């Protein structure tokens, strides 16, 4: 939570959301969403997405979601959640080694 800017914005495409979920969250709501999503973190891997820092979620090697981060002043200022198959296929993904 300490790495999130207090004014962080999370944007998600429709394919990345459950029905009825908002496409954009701001501030503390992003932090709550990150905590709720942590349950699926076992499949998450650090990656560069088109050269930007991010995470991919790829259970059994199948890319399901990507989270691309924008960083400003040492904190995450924006998160783009990508679930649309065409957008995922267009990403240049470089999986980083586990720390």
PDB file of N, CA and C in Angstrom:
ATOM      1  N   UNK A   1       0.816  -1.191   0.000  1.00  0.00           N
ATOM      2  CA  UNK A   1       0.000   0.000   0.000  1.00  0.00           C
ATOM      3  C   UNK A   1       0.863   1.259   0.000  1.00  0.00           C
ATOM      4  N   UNK A   2       2.048   1.170   0.588  1.00  0.00           N
ATOM      5  CA  UNK A   2       2.918   2.330   0.682  1.00  0.00           C
ATOM      6  C   UNK A   2       3.432   2.778  -0.677  1.00  0.00           C
ATOM      7  N   UNK A   3       3.380   1.902  -1.681  1.00  0.00           N
ATOM      8  CA  UNK A   3       3.883   2.279  -3.000  1.00  0.00           C
ATOM      9  C   UNK A   3       2.829   2.982  -3.844  1.00  0.00           C
ATOM     10  N   UNK A   4       1.581   3.041  -3.359  1.00  0.00           N
ATOM     11  CA  UNK A   4       0.521   3.711  -4.112  1.00  0.00           C
ATOM     12  C   UNK A   4       0.468   5.195  -3.788  1.00  0.00           C
ATOM     13  N   UNK A   5       0.407   6.014  -4.822  1.00  0.00           N
ATOM     14  CA  UNK A   5       0.179   7.444  -4.656  1.00  0.00           C
ATOM     15  C   UNK A   5      -1.219   7.622  -4.054  1.00  0.00           C
ATOM     16  N   UNK A   6      -1.404   8.565  -3.145  1.00  0.00           N
ATOM     17  CA  UNK A   6      -2.743   8.766  -2.563  1.00  0.00           C
ATOM     18  C   UNK A   6      -3.818   9.074  -3.611  1.00  0.00           C
ATOM     19  N   UNK A   7      -3.419   9.617  -4.757  1.00  0.00           N
ATOM     20  CA  UNK A   7      -4.370   9.957  -5.822  1.00  0.00           C
ATOM     21  C   UNK A   7      -4.339   8.936  -6.960  1.00  0.00           C
ATOM     22  N   UNK A   8      -3.879   7.724  -6.684  1.00  0.00           N
ATOM     23  CA  UNK A   8      -3.747   6.692  -7.711  1.00  0.00           C
ATOM     24  C   UNK A   8      -5.076   6.465  -8.434  1.00  0.00           C
ATOM     25  N   UNK A   9      -4.980   6.157  -9.725  1.00  0.00           N
ATOM     26  CA  UNK A   9      -6.151   5.876 -10.563  1.00  0.00           C
ATOM     27  C   UNK A   9      -5.980   4.478 -11.142  1.00  0.00           C
ATOM     28  N   UNK A  10      -7.024   3.660 -11.040  1.00  0.00           N
ATOM     29  CA  UNK A  10      -7.035   2.341 -11.655  1.00  0.00           C
ATOM     30  C   UNK A  10      -8.096   2.353 -12.736  1.00  0.00           C
ATOM     31  N   UNK A  11      -7.674   1.972 -13.962  1.00  0.00           N
ATOM     32  CA  UNK A  11      -8.596   1.886 -15.094  1.00  0.00           C
ATOM     33  C   UNK A  11      -8.576   0.447 -15.594  1.00  0.00           C
ATOM     34  N   UNK A  12      -9.749  -0.102 -15.893  1.00  0.00           N
ATOM     35  CA  UNK A  12      -9.833  -1.481 -16.364  1.00  0.00           C
ATOM     36  C   UNK A  12     -10.681  -1.547 -17.619  1.00  0.00           C
ATOM     37  N   UNK A  13     -10.253  -2.401 -18.560  1.00  0.00           N
ATOM     38  CA  UNK A  13     -11.109  -2.611 -19.724  1.00  0.00           C
ATOM     39  C   UNK A  13     -12.238  -3.570 -19.342  1.00  0.00           C
ATOM     40  N   UNK A  14     -13.276  -3.605 -20.147  1.00  0.00           N
ATOM     41  CA  UNK A  14     -14.478  -4.380 -19.812  1.00  0.00           C
ATOM     42  C   UNK A  14     -14.178  -5.861 -19.611  1.00  0.00           C
ATOM     43  N   UNK A  15     -13.223  -6.416 -20.344  1.00  0.00           N
ATOM     44  CA  UNK A  15     -12.905  -7.844 -20.236  1.00  0.00           C
ATOM     45  C   UNK A  15     -12.232  -8.190 -18.912  1.00  0.00           C
ATOM     46  N   UNK A  16     -11.704  -7.194 -18.227  1.00  0.00           N
ATOM     47  CA  UNK A  16     -11.003  -7.433 -16.962  1.00  0.00           C
ATOM     48  C   UNK A  16     -11.926  -7.324 -15.754  1.00  0.00           C
ATOM     49  N   UNK A  17     -13.187  -7.021 -15.989  1.00  0.00           N
ATOM     50  CA  UNK A  17     -14.105  -6.737 -14.881  1.00  0.00           C
ATOM     51  C   UNK A  17     -15.213  -7.768 -14.745  1.00  0.00           C
ATOM     52  N   UNK A  18     -15.685  -7.913 -13.509  1.00  0.00           N
ATOM     53  CA  UNK A  18     -16.927  -8.650 -13.278  1.00  0.00           C
ATOM     54  C   UNK A  18     -18.080  -7.730 -13.646  1.00  0.00           C
ATOM     55  N   UNK A  19     -19.198  -8.314 -14.018  1.00  0.00           N
ATOM     56  CA  UNK A  19     -20.373  -7.524 -14.406  1.00  0.00           C
ATOM     57  C   UNK A  19     -20.724  -6.531 -13.304  1.00  0.00           C
ATOM     58  N   UNK A  20     -20.930  -5.294 -13.696  1.00  0.00           N
ATOM     59  CA  UNK A  20     -21.340  -4.257 -12.756  1.00  0.00           C
ATOM     60  C   UNK A  20     -20.211  -3.555 -12.029  1.00  0.00           C
ATOM     61  N   UNK A  21     -18.984  -4.033 -12.186  1.00  0.00           N
ATOM     62  CA  UNK A  21     -17.845  -3.397 -11.506  1.00  0.00           C
ATOM     63  C   UNK A  21     -17.488  -2.090 -12.213  1.00  0.00           C
ATOM     64  N   UNK A  22     -17.064  -1.084 -11.452  1.00  0.00           N
ATOM     65  CA  UNK A  22     -16.703   0.188 -12.089  1.00  0.00           C
ATOM     66  C   UNK A  22     -15.431   0.056 -12.928  1.00  0.00           C
ATOM     67  N   UNK A  23     -15.360   0.798 -14.028  1.00  0.00           N
ATOM     68  CA  UNK A  23     -14.189   0.751 -14.912  1.00  0.00           C
ATOM     69  C   UNK A  23     -13.042   1.594 -14.382  1.00  0.00           C
ATOM     70  N   UNK A  24     -13.333   2.475 -13.419  1.00  0.00           N
ATOM     71  CA  UNK A  24     -12.282   3.324 -12.868  1.00  0.00           C
ATOM     72  C   UNK A  24     -12.466   3.454 -11.360  1.00  0.00           C
ATOM     73  N   UNK A  25     -11.345   3.371 -10.651  1.00  0.00           N
ATOM     74  CA  UNK A  25     -11.319   3.610  -9.209  1.00  0.00           C
ATOM     75  C   UNK A  25     -10.249   4.648  -8.929  1.00  0.00           C
ATOM     76  N   UNK A  26     -10.401   5.363  -7.824  1.00  0.00           N
ATOM     77  CA  UNK A  26      -9.426   6.391  -7.448  1.00  0.00           C
ATOM     78  C   UNK A  26      -9.113   6.306  -5.969  1.00  0.00           C
ATOM     79  N   UNK A  27      -7.890   6.702  -5.622  1.00  0.00           N
ATOM     80  CA  UNK A  27      -7.488   6.842  -4.231  1.00  0.00           C
ATOM     81  C   UNK A  27      -7.604   5.578  -3.414  1.00  0.00           C
ATOM     82  N   UNK A  28      -8.214   5.697  -2.230  1.00  0.00           N
ATOM     83  CA  UNK A  28      -8.303   4.588  -1.284  1.00  0.00           C
ATOM     84  C   UNK A  28      -9.058   3.393  -1.857  1.00  0.00           C
ATOM     85  N   UNK A  29     -10.000   3.638  -2.764  1.00  0.00           N
ATOM     86  CA  UNK A  29     -10.738   2.529  -3.374  1.00  0.00           C
ATOM     87  C   UNK A  29      -9.804   1.610  -4.156  1.00  0.00           C
ATOM     88  N   UNK A  30      -8.749   2.166  -4.721  1.00  0.00           N
ATOM     89  CA  UNK A  30      -7.760   1.343  -5.433  1.00  0.00           C
ATOM     90  C   UNK A  30      -7.067   0.418  -4.443  1.00  0.00           C
ATOM     91  N   UNK A  31      -6.673   0.941  -3.300  1.00  0.00           N
ATOM     92  CA  UNK A  31      -6.011   0.130  -2.281  1.00  0.00           C
ATOM     93  C   UNK A  31      -6.882  -1.024  -1.825  1.00  0.00           C
ATOM     94  N   UNK A  32      -8.166  -0.765  -1.623  1.00  0.00           N
ATOM     95  CA  UNK A  32      -9.081  -1.837  -1.216  1.00  0.00           C
ATOM     96  C   UNK A  32      -9.196  -2.884  -2.318  1.00  0.00           C
ATOM     97  N   UNK A  33      -9.232  -2.440  -3.559  1.00  0.00           N
ATOM     98  CA  UNK A  33      -9.308  -3.363  -4.688  1.00  0.00           C
ATOM     99  C   UNK A  33      -8.060  -4.209  -4.816  1.00  0.00           C
ATOM    100  N   UNK A  34      -6.904  -3.610  -4.565  1.00  0.00           N
ATOM    101  CA  UNK A  34      -5.640  -4.345  -4.623  1.00  0.00           C
ATOM    102  C   UNK A  34      -5.622  -5.429  -3.550  1.00  0.00           C
ATOM    103  N   UNK A  35      -6.072  -5.102  -2.364  1.00  0.00           N
ATOM    104  CA  UNK A  35      -6.113  -6.099  -1.290  1.00  0.00           C
ATOM    105  C   UNK A  35      -7.062  -7.247  -1.636  1.00  0.00           C
ATOM    106  N   UNK A  36      -8.214  -6.931  -2.218  1.00  0.00           N
ATOM    107  CA  UNK A  36      -9.170  -7.978  -2.592  1.00  0.00           C
ATOM    108  C   UNK A  36      -8.603  -8.867  -3.692  1.00  0.00           C
ATOM    109  N   UNK A  37      -7.848  -8.286  -4.612  1.00  0.00           N
ATOM    110  CA  UNK A  37      -7.276  -9.052  -5.723  1.00  0.00           C
ATOM    111  C   UNK A  37      -6.079  -9.890  -5.308  1.00  0.00           C
ATOM    112  N   UNK A  38      -5.539  -9.632  -4.148  1.00  0.00           N
ATOM    113  CA  UNK A  38      -4.336 -10.345  -3.704  1.00  0.00           C
ATOM    114  C   UNK A  38      -4.559 -11.847  -3.581  1.00  0.00           C
ATOM    115  N   UNK A  39      -5.811 -12.267  -3.493  1.00  0.00           N
ATOM    116  CA  UNK A  39      -6.099 -13.707  -3.406  1.00  0.00           C
ATOM    117  C   UNK A  39      -5.565 -14.450  -4.620  1.00  0.00           C
ATOM    118  N   UNK A  40      -5.553 -13.841  -5.784  1.00  0.00           N
ATOM    119  CA  UNK A  40      -5.066 -14.491  -7.003  1.00  0.00           C
ATOM    120  C   UNK A  40      -3.602 -14.243  -7.268  1.00  0.00           C
ATOM    121  N   UNK A  41      -2.895 -13.714  -6.292  1.00  0.00           N
ATOM    122  CA  UNK A  41      -1.499 -13.325  -6.499  1.00  0.00           C
ATOM    123  C   UNK A  41      -0.562 -14.506  -6.758  1.00  0.00           C
ATOM    124  N   UNK A  42      -0.991 -15.713  -6.453  1.00  0.00           N
ATOM    125  CA  UNK A  42      -0.145 -16.880  -6.694  1.00  0.00           C
ATOM    126  C   UNK A  42       0.194 -17.071  -8.155  1.00  0.00           C
ATOM    127  N   UNK A  43      -0.628 -16.555  -9.053  1.00  0.00           N
ATOM    128  CA  UNK A  43      -0.383 -16.664 -10.482  1.00  0.00           C
ATOM    129  C   UNK A  43       0.290 -15.417 -11.055  1.00  0.00           C
ATOM    130  N   UNK A  44       0.487 -14.390 -10.249  1.00  0.00           N
ATOM    131  CA  UNK A  44       1.040 -13.122 -10.731  1.00  0.00           C
ATOM    132  C   UNK A  44       2.558 -13.195 -10.840  1.00  0.00           C
ATOM    133  N   UNK A  45       3.062 -12.577 -11.894  1.00  0.00           N
ATOM    134  CA  UNK A  45       4.513 -12.492 -12.108  1.00  0.00           C
ATOM    135  C   UNK A  45       4.871 -11.064 -12.489  1.00  0.00           C
ATOM    136  N   UNK A  46       6.014 -10.599 -12.001  1.00  0.00           N
ATOM    137  CA  UNK A  46       6.518  -9.285 -12.411  1.00  0.00           C
ATOM    138  C   UNK A  46       6.891  -9.333 -13.877  1.00  0.00           C
ATOM    139  N   UNK A  47       6.607  -8.242 -14.592  1.00  0.00           N
ATOM    140  CA  UNK A  47       6.908  -8.199 -16.019  1.00  0.00           C
ATOM    141  C   UNK A  47       7.056  -6.753 -16.475  1.00  0.00           C
ATOM    142  N   UNK A  48       7.685  -6.600 -17.621  1.00  0.00           N
ATOM    143  CA  UNK A  48       7.662  -5.327 -18.333  1.00  0.00           C
ATOM    144  C   UNK A  48       6.617  -5.471 -19.425  1.00  0.00           C
ATOM    145  N   UNK A  49       5.726  -4.507 -19.513  1.00  0.00           N
ATOM    146  CA  UNK A  49       4.649  -4.509 -20.500  1.00  0.00           C
ATOM    147  C   UNK A  49       4.838  -3.297 -21.387  1.00  0.00           C
ATOM    148  N   UNK A  50       5.266  -3.546 -22.612  1.00  0.00           N
ATOM    149  CA  UNK A  50       5.629  -2.447 -23.517  1.00  0.00           C
ATOM    150  C   UNK A  50       6.639  -1.526 -22.849  1.00  0.00           C
ATOM    151  N   UNK A  51       7.543  -2.120 -22.067  1.00  0.00           N
ATOM    152  CA  UNK A  51       8.598  -1.370 -21.399  1.00  0.00           C
ATOM    153  C   UNK A  51       8.206  -0.756 -20.074  1.00  0.00           C
ATOM    154  N   UNK A  52       6.935  -0.876 -19.686  1.00  0.00           N
ATOM    155  CA  UNK A  52       6.458  -0.328 -18.414  1.00  0.00           C
ATOM    156  C   UNK A  52       6.432  -1.421 -17.361  1.00  0.00           C
ATOM    157  N   UNK A  53       6.676  -1.063 -16.094  1.00  0.00           N
ATOM    158  CA  UNK A  53       6.578  -2.077 -15.045  1.00  0.00           C
ATOM    159  C   UNK A  53       5.140  -2.549 -14.885  1.00  0.00           C
ATOM    160  N   UNK A  54       5.016  -3.834 -14.544  1.00  0.00           N
ATOM    161  CA  UNK A  54       3.677  -4.356 -14.347  1.00  0.00           C
ATOM    162  C   UNK A  54       3.681  -5.768 -13.817  1.00  0.00           C
ATOM    163  N   UNK A  55       2.508  -6.362 -13.842  1.00  0.00           N
ATOM    164  CA  UNK A  55       2.300  -7.743 -13.437  1.00  0.00           C
ATOM    165  C   UNK A  55       1.489  -8.428 -14.516  1.00  0.00           C
ATOM    166  N   UNK A  56       1.735  -9.720 -14.678  1.00  0.00           N
ATOM    167  CA  UNK A  56       0.862 -10.527 -15.513  1.00  0.00           C
ATOM    168  C   UNK A  56       0.265 -11.622 -14.640  1.00  0.00           C
ATOM    169  N   UNK A  57      -0.925 -12.041 -14.980  1.00  0.00           N
ATOM    170  CA  UNK A  57      -1.579 -13.165 -14.320  1.00  0.00           C
ATOM    171  C   UNK A  57      -1.799 -14.200 -15.422  1.00  0.00           C
ATOM    172  N   UNK A  58      -1.078 -15.320 -15.296  1.00  0.00           N
ATOM    173  CA  UNK A  58      -1.095 -16.332 -16.353  1.00  0.00           C
ATOM    174  C   UNK A  58      -1.161 -17.738 -15.762  1.00  0.00           C
ATOM    175  N   UNK A  59      -2.334 -18.130 -15.239  1.00  0.00           N
ATOM    176  CA  UNK A  59      -2.444 -19.491 -14.714  1.00  0.00           C
ATOM    177  C   UNK A  59      -2.236 -20.517 -15.825  1.00  0.00           C
ATOM    178  N   UNK A  60      -1.454 -21.541 -15.520  1.00  0.00           N
ATOM    179  CA  UNK A  60      -1.124 -22.602 -16.471  1.00  0.00           C
ATOM    180  C   UNK A  60      -0.554 -22.055 -17.772  1.00  0.00           C
ATOM    181  N   UNK A  61       0.161 -20.924 -17.670  1.00  0.00           N
ATOM    182  CA  UNK A  61       0.838 -20.338 -18.820  1.00  0.00           C
ATOM    183  C   UNK A  61      -0.050 -19.569 -19.775  1.00  0.00           C
ATOM    184  N   UNK A  62      -1.323 -19.400 -19.443  1.00  0.00           N
ATOM    185  CA  UNK A  62      -2.242 -18.662 -20.313  1.00  0.00           C
ATOM    186  C   UNK A  62      -2.455 -17.258 -19.761  1.00  0.00           C
ATOM    187  N   UNK A  63      -2.040 -16.251 -20.522  1.00  0.00           N
ATOM    188  CA  UNK A  63      -2.159 -14.860 -20.087  1.00  0.00           C
ATOM    189  C   UNK A  63      -3.628 -14.472 -19.994  1.00  0.00           C
ATOM    190  N   UNK A  64      -4.058 -14.163 -18.765  1.00  0.00           N
ATOM    191  CA  UNK A  64      -5.454 -13.793 -18.528  1.00  0.00           C
ATOM    192  C   UNK A  64      -5.610 -12.295 -18.320  1.00  0.00           C
ATOM    193  N   UNK A  65      -4.674 -11.690 -17.572  1.00  0.00           N
ATOM    194  CA  UNK A  65      -4.733 -10.274 -17.250  1.00  0.00           C
ATOM    195  C   UNK A  65      -3.330  -9.702 -17.208  1.00  0.00           C
ATOM    196  N   UNK A  66      -3.255  -8.415 -17.424  1.00  0.00           N
ATOM    197  CA  UNK A  66      -2.010  -7.680 -17.233  1.00  0.00           C
ATOM    198  C   UNK A  66      -2.343  -6.393 -16.498  1.00  0.00           C
ATOM    199  N   UNK A  67      -1.457  -6.007 -15.601  1.00  0.00           N
ATOM    200  CA  UNK A  67      -1.588  -4.744 -14.889  1.00  0.00           C
ATOM    201  C   UNK A  67      -0.360  -3.918 -15.207  1.00  0.00           C
ATOM    202  N   UNK A  68      -0.551  -2.835 -15.930  1.00  0.00           N
ATOM    203  CA  UNK A  68       0.553  -1.945 -16.302  1.00  0.00           C
ATOM    204  C   UNK A  68       0.543  -0.750 -15.359  1.00  0.00           C
ATOM    205  N   UNK A  69       1.707  -0.453 -14.790  1.00  0.00           N
ATOM    206  CA  UNK A  69       1.819   0.608 -13.799  1.00  0.00           C
ATOM    207  C   UNK A  69       2.474   1.848 -14.385  1.00  0.00           C
ATOM    208  N   UNK A  70       1.963   3.004 -13.977  1.00  0.00           N
ATOM    209  CA  UNK A  70       2.646   4.282 -14.216  1.00  0.00           C
ATOM    210  C   UNK A  70       3.204   4.713 -12.876  1.00  0.00           C
ATOM    211  N   UNK A  71       4.461   5.120 -12.876  1.00  0.00           N
ATOM    212  CA  UNK A  71       5.132   5.503 -11.633  1.00  0.00           C
ATOM    213  C   UNK A  71       5.552   6.969 -11.729  1.00  0.00           C
ATOM    214  N   UNK A  72       5.244   7.720 -10.677  1.00  0.00           N
ATOM    215  CA  UNK A  72       5.648   9.121 -10.587  1.00  0.00           C
ATOM    216  C   UNK A  72       6.119   9.384  -9.161  1.00  0.00           C
ATOM    217  N   UNK A  73       7.254  10.024  -9.043  1.00  0.00           N
ATOM    218  CA  UNK A  73       7.809  10.360  -7.732  1.00  0.00           C
ATOM    219  C   UNK A  73       7.945   9.137  -6.828  1.00  0.00           C
ATOM    220  N   UNK A  74       8.313   7.998  -7.430  1.00  0.00           N
ATOM    221  CA  UNK A  74       8.559   6.793  -6.653  1.00  0.00           C
ATOM    222  C   UNK A  74       7.322   6.043  -6.194  1.00  0.00           C
ATOM    223  N   UNK A  75       6.152   6.454  -6.665  1.00  0.00           N
ATOM    224  CA  UNK A  75       4.905   5.781  -6.280  1.00  0.00           C
ATOM    225  C   UNK A  75       4.076   5.442  -7.508  1.00  0.00           C
ATOM    226  N   UNK A  76       3.264   4.414  -7.387  1.00  0.00           N
ATOM    227  CA  UNK A  76       2.369   4.034  -8.480  1.00  0.00           C
ATOM    228  C   UNK A  76       1.247   5.067  -8.555  1.00  0.00           C
ATOM    229  N   UNK A  77       1.184   5.764  -9.698  1.00  0.00           N
ATOM    230  CA  UNK A  77       0.180   6.811  -9.869  1.00  0.00           C
ATOM    231  C   UNK A  77      -1.018   6.349 -10.694  1.00  0.00           C
ATOM    232  N   UNK A  78      -0.823   5.282 -11.483  1.00  0.00           N
ATOM    233  CA  UNK A  78      -1.926   4.753 -12.286  1.00  0.00           C
ATOM    234  C   UNK A  78      -1.687   3.274 -12.554  1.00  0.00           C
ATOM    235  N   UNK A  79      -2.784   2.544 -12.647  1.00  0.00           N
ATOM    236  CA  UNK A  79      -2.751   1.120 -12.961  1.00  0.00           C
ATOM    237  C   UNK A  79      -3.769   0.883 -14.062  1.00  0.00           C
ATOM    238  N   UNK A  80      -3.306   0.285 -15.162  1.00  0.00           N
ATOM    239  CA  UNK A  80      -4.208  -0.102 -16.242  1.00  0.00           C
ATOM    240  C   UNK A  80      -4.359  -1.612 -16.199  1.00  0.00           C
ATOM    241  N   UNK A  81      -5.590  -2.085 -16.012  1.00  0.00           N
ATOM    242  CA  UNK A  81      -5.872  -3.514 -15.960  1.00  0.00           C
ATOM    243  C   UNK A  81      -6.390  -3.934 -17.332  1.00  0.00           C
ATOM    244  N   UNK A  82      -5.684  -4.856 -17.947  1.00  0.00           N
ATOM    245  CA  UNK A  82      -5.981  -5.267 -19.323  1.00  0.00           C
ATOM    246  C   UNK A  82      -6.412  -6.730 -19.313  1.00  0.00           C
ATOM    247  N   UNK A  83      -7.591  -6.986 -19.845  1.00  0.00           N
ATOM    248  CA  UNK A  83      -8.078  -8.351 -19.943  1.00  0.00           C
ATOM    249  C   UNK A  83      -8.556  -8.701 -21.342  1.00  0.00           C
ATOM    250  N   UNK A  84      -8.714  -7.696 -22.190  1.00  0.00           N
ATOM    251  CA  UNK A  84      -9.180  -7.911 -23.549  1.00  0.00           C
ATOM    252  C   UNK A  84      -8.147  -8.733 -24.330  1.00  0.00           C
ATOM    253  N   UNK A  85      -8.537  -9.869 -24.913  1.00  0.00           N
ATOM    254  CA  UNK A  85      -7.564 -10.727 -25.605  1.00  0.00           C
ATOM    255  C   UNK A  85      -6.772 -10.025 -26.707  1.00  0.00           C
ATOM    256  N   UNK A  86      -7.406  -9.141 -27.471  1.00  0.00           N
ATOM    257  CA  UNK A  86      -6.690  -8.434 -28.534  1.00  0.00           C
ATOM    258  C   UNK A  86      -5.644  -7.488 -27.951  1.00  0.00           C
ATOM    259  N   UNK A  87      -5.986  -6.802 -26.869  1.00  0.00           N
ATOM    260  CA  UNK A  87      -5.021  -5.901 -26.224  1.00  0.00           C
ATOM    261  C   UNK A  87      -3.881  -6.692 -25.601  1.00  0.00           C
ATOM    262  N   UNK A  88      -4.204  -7.841 -24.979  1.00  0.00           N
ATOM    263  CA  UNK A  88      -3.156  -8.670 -24.389  1.00  0.00           C
ATOM    264  C   UNK A  88      -2.204  -9.180 -25.468  1.00  0.00           C
ATOM    265  N   UNK A  89      -2.748  -9.605 -26.610  1.00  0.00           N
ATOM    266  CA  UNK A  89      -1.912 -10.127 -27.696  1.00  0.00           C
ATOM    267  C   UNK A  89      -0.991  -9.053 -28.259  1.00  0.00           C
ATOM    268  N   UNK A  90      -1.403  -7.796 -28.179  1.00  0.00           N
ATOM    269  CA  UNK A  90      -0.594  -6.703 -28.728  1.00  0.00           C
ATOM    270  C   UNK A  90       0.517  -6.248 -27.787  1.00  0.00           C
ATOM    271  N   UNK A  91       0.484  -6.682 -26.515  1.00  0.00           N
ATOM    272  CA  UNK A  91       1.503  -6.277 -25.553  1.00  0.00           C
ATOM    273  C   UNK A  91       2.832  -6.970 -25.800  1.00  0.00           C
ATOM    274  N   UNK A  92       3.906  -6.228 -25.647  1.00  0.00           N
ATOM    275  CA  UNK A  92       5.234  -6.825 -25.598  1.00  0.00           C
ATOM    276  C   UNK A  92       5.492  -7.158 -24.122  1.00  0.00           C
ATOM    277  N   UNK A  93       5.522  -8.450 -23.795  1.00  0.00           N
ATOM    278  CA  UNK A  93       5.639  -8.903 -22.412  1.00  0.00           C
ATOM    279  C   UNK A  93       7.021  -9.513 -22.186  1.00  0.00           C
ATOM    280  N   UNK A  94       7.727  -8.999 -21.200  1.00  0.00           N
ATOM    281  CA  UNK A  94       9.018  -9.567 -20.786  1.00  0.00           C
ATOM    282  C   UNK A  94       8.885  -9.925 -19.304  1.00  0.00           C
ATOM    283  N   UNK A  95       8.760 -11.225 -19.015  1.00  0.00           N
ATOM    284  CA  UNK A  95       8.619 -11.681 -17.640  1.00  0.00           C
ATOM    285  C   UNK A  95       9.957 -11.505 -16.933  1.00  0.00           C
ATOM    286  N   UNK A  96       9.923 -10.923 -15.746  1.00  0.00           N
ATOM    287  CA  UNK A  96      11.130 -10.684 -14.972  1.00  0.00           C
ATOM    288  C   UNK A  96      11.393 -11.858 -14.043  1.00  0.00           C
ATOM    289  N   UNK A  97      12.656 -12.100 -13.704  1.00  0.00           N
ATOM    290  CA  UNK A  97      12.958 -13.197 -12.775  1.00  0.00           C
ATOM    291  C   UNK A  97      12.393 -12.906 -11.386  1.00  0.00           C
ATOM    292  N   UNK A  98      12.043 -13.969 -10.684  1.00  0.00           N
ATOM    293  CA  UNK A  98      11.550 -13.798  -9.318  1.00  0.00           C
ATOM    294  C   UNK A  98      12.641 -13.171  -8.467  1.00  0.00           C
ATOM    295  N   UNK A  99      12.233 -12.241  -7.572  1.00  0.00           N
ATOM    296  CA  UNK A  99      13.245 -11.579  -6.721  1.00  0.00           C
ATOM    297  C   UNK A  99      13.851 -12.532  -5.711  1.00  0.00           C
TER     298      UNK A  99
END
